[in-house]
Amino acid sequence: MLRIDQSLVDAIVAHAKRDHPVEACGMVAGPIGSDRPERFIEMVNAAGSPTFYEYDSTDLLQLYKDLDDRDEEPVVIYHSHTATEAYPSVTDIKLASEPGAHYVLVSTEKHGNNDGAVEFRSYRIVDGQVTEEPVEIVGTDTPSDNPRSES
């Protein structure tokens, strides 16, 4: 189960909506071994594509150096799908290289960068196997365990 603060969900969704129709991407880091997403890190989609995301290799190297210096690791790796549901594509599965991370997908297909709910779903991807997991959003009056329709 992914347990994540409402403010982080809001930041991820805002990034996805702002970058639409280009896929947004980034991560949320946390202390090594904690499984606690704490620090939001917005990245630039170097591919600039509505169907694919790619981190700039120099930015990614710097990010991992920063994570190492802070004793952090990627807890959530997120990106958006702009024209499809929030489910990992074949490419997403092939590129999933952090077996301990939660892979969050946000679909902006329905409303684009306009107001309206998005699909917000989380997966574990290990050795090519995709497992959807519940999302518990904390920091609200009514925490939700429904990962499909958060905005």
Protein backbone atom coordinates (compact mmCIF):
# COMPACT_ATOMS: atom_id res chain seq x y z
CA MET A 1 0.00 0.00 0.00
CA LEU A 2 1.16 3.51 -0.82
CA ARG A 3 0.57 5.91 2.06
CA ILE A 4 1.01 9.46 0.80
CA ASP A 5 0.23 12.95 2.04
CA GLN A 6 -2.51 14.92 0.30
CA SER A 7 -0.06 17.77 -0.41
CA LEU A 8 2.17 15.38 -2.40
CA VAL A 9 -0.81 14.04 -4.35
CA ASP A 10 -1.82 17.62 -5.10
CA ALA A 11 1.71 18.46 -6.31
CA ILE A 12 1.87 15.40 -8.58
CA VAL A 13 -1.58 16.08 -10.06
CA ALA A 14 -0.80 19.80 -10.55
CA HIS A 15 2.41 18.89 -12.40
CA ALA A 16 0.56 16.39 -14.61
CA LYS A 17 -2.15 18.93 -15.48
CA ARG A 18 0.34 21.76 -16.05
CA ASP A 19 2.47 19.72 -18.48
CA HIS A 20 -0.49 18.21 -20.39
CA PRO A 21 -0.39 17.27 -23.30
CA VAL A 22 3.27 16.32 -22.62
CA GLU A 23 3.79 13.53 -20.10
CA ALA A 24 4.94 14.87 -16.74
CA CYS A 25 7.48 12.96 -14.66
CA GLY A 26 9.28 13.08 -11.35
CA MET A 27 9.63 11.37 -8.02
CA VAL A 28 9.05 11.69 -4.31
CA ALA A 29 12.07 10.82 -2.20
CA GLY A 30 12.17 9.58 1.35
CA PRO A 31 14.66 8.32 3.92
CA ILE A 32 16.36 5.09 2.84
CA GLY A 33 14.37 2.05 3.96
CA SER A 34 11.45 4.07 5.32
CA ASP A 35 8.88 3.70 2.49
CA ARG A 36 7.82 7.28 3.44
CA PRO A 37 7.38 9.67 0.50
CA GLU A 38 8.43 13.10 1.77
CA ARG A 39 10.30 15.28 -0.74
CA PHE A 40 8.61 16.14 -4.04
CA ILE A 41 11.01 16.35 -6.99
CA GLU A 42 9.59 17.59 -10.26
CA MET A 43 11.61 16.57 -13.31
CA VAL A 44 11.52 17.73 -16.92
CA ASN A 45 10.43 15.31 -19.61
CA ALA A 46 13.48 15.55 -21.86
CA ALA A 47 11.57 13.71 -24.60
CA GLY A 48 8.88 16.42 -24.64
CA SER A 49 6.45 13.72 -25.75
CA PRO A 50 2.74 13.14 -25.13
CA THR A 51 3.35 9.36 -25.22
CA PHE A 52 6.73 8.84 -23.57
CA TYR A 53 8.79 10.33 -20.78
CA GLU A 54 12.53 10.43 -20.35
CA TYR A 55 14.73 12.05 -17.74
CA ASP A 56 17.68 14.11 -18.92
CA SER A 57 20.72 11.93 -18.12
CA THR A 58 22.66 14.80 -16.54
CA ASP A 59 19.68 15.79 -14.36
CA LEU A 60 19.15 12.17 -13.35
CA LEU A 61 22.80 11.71 -12.37
CA GLN A 62 22.66 14.90 -10.28
CA LEU A 63 19.41 13.75 -8.67
CA TYR A 64 20.89 10.41 -7.60
CA LYS A 65 23.97 12.17 -6.19
CA ASP A 66 21.64 14.46 -4.23
CA LEU A 67 19.60 11.49 -2.98
CA ASP A 68 22.81 9.80 -1.86
CA ASP A 69 24.01 12.94 -0.05
CA ARG A 70 20.66 13.17 1.79
CA ASP A 71 20.45 9.44 2.61
CA GLU A 72 17.29 9.24 0.53
CA GLU A 73 15.90 6.95 -2.12
CA PRO A 74 13.06 7.15 -4.65
CA VAL A 75 9.91 6.11 -2.82
CA VAL A 76 7.47 7.19 -5.55
CA ILE A 77 8.31 7.44 -9.24
CA TYR A 78 5.49 9.14 -11.09
CA HIS A 79 4.50 10.14 -14.58
CA SER A 80 1.34 10.98 -16.43
CA HIS A 81 -0.49 9.41 -19.31
CA THR A 82 -2.17 12.04 -21.43
CA ALA A 83 -4.29 9.90 -23.73
CA THR A 84 -4.67 6.57 -21.93
CA GLU A 85 -5.68 5.18 -18.57
CA ALA A 86 -3.32 5.26 -15.58
CA TYR A 87 -1.84 1.80 -16.18
CA PRO A 88 1.82 1.03 -16.96
CA SER A 89 2.59 0.65 -20.64
CA VAL A 90 4.93 -2.04 -21.97
CA THR A 91 7.66 0.63 -22.10
CA ASP A 92 6.93 1.73 -18.51
CA ILE A 93 7.29 -1.88 -17.35
CA LYS A 94 10.57 -2.38 -19.23
CA LEU A 95 12.05 0.82 -17.78
CA ALA A 96 10.98 0.16 -14.17
CA SER A 97 14.35 -0.19 -12.45
CA GLU A 98 13.54 0.54 -8.79
CA PRO A 99 11.95 -2.61 -7.33
CA GLY A 100 11.27 -0.92 -3.99
CA ALA A 101 9.50 2.10 -5.49
CA HIS A 102 5.82 2.80 -5.87
CA TYR A 103 5.10 3.64 -9.51
CA VAL A 104 2.34 6.24 -9.62
CA LEU A 105 0.50 7.00 -12.81
CA VAL A 106 -1.83 9.93 -13.31
CA SER A 107 -4.13 10.01 -16.32
CA THR A 108 -5.04 13.44 -17.64
CA GLU A 109 -6.90 11.86 -20.56
CA LYS A 110 -10.38 12.94 -19.47
CA HIS A 111 -9.86 16.62 -18.56
CA GLY A 112 -6.37 17.52 -19.79
CA ASN A 113 -5.13 20.57 -17.94
CA ASN A 114 -8.65 21.72 -17.08
CA ASP A 115 -10.45 21.30 -13.77
CA GLY A 116 -11.75 17.83 -13.10
CA ALA A 117 -10.74 14.59 -11.48
CA VAL A 118 -7.85 12.49 -12.73
CA GLU A 119 -7.00 8.83 -12.34
CA PHE A 120 -4.31 8.47 -9.64
CA ARG A 121 -3.11 4.87 -9.30
CA SER A 122 -0.08 3.15 -7.80
CA TYR A 123 1.74 -0.02 -8.78
CA ARG A 124 4.67 -2.16 -7.77
CA ILE A 125 6.68 -3.30 -10.77
CA VAL A 126 9.21 -6.04 -10.03
CA ASP A 127 10.85 -8.23 -12.67
CA GLY A 128 8.26 -7.19 -15.25
CA GLN A 129 5.32 -8.08 -13.00
CA VAL A 130 2.79 -5.31 -12.36
CA THR A 131 0.73 -5.30 -9.18
CA GLU A 132 -1.72 -2.51 -8.47
CA GLU A 133 -1.78 -1.44 -4.84
CA PRO A 134 -4.20 0.62 -2.73
CA VAL A 135 -3.41 4.29 -2.11
CA GLU A 136 -4.09 5.81 1.29
CA ILE A 137 -4.09 9.58 1.17
CA VAL A 138 -3.35 11.14 4.55
CA GLY A 139 -3.49 14.70 5.79
CA THR A 140 -7.16 15.19 4.94
CA ASP A 141 -10.32 14.98 7.00
CA THR A 142 -11.41 11.93 5.02
CA PRO A 143 -8.47 9.75 3.95
CA SER A 144 -9.20 7.76 0.84
CA ASP A 145 -8.23 4.26 -0.09
CA ASN A 146 -9.69 4.67 -3.57
CA PRO A 147 -6.75 5.29 -5.92
CA ARG A 148 -8.80 5.77 -9.05
CA SER A 149 -10.40 9.19 -8.80
CA GLU A 150 -8.39 11.63 -6.75
CA SER A 151 -7.97 15.20 -7.85
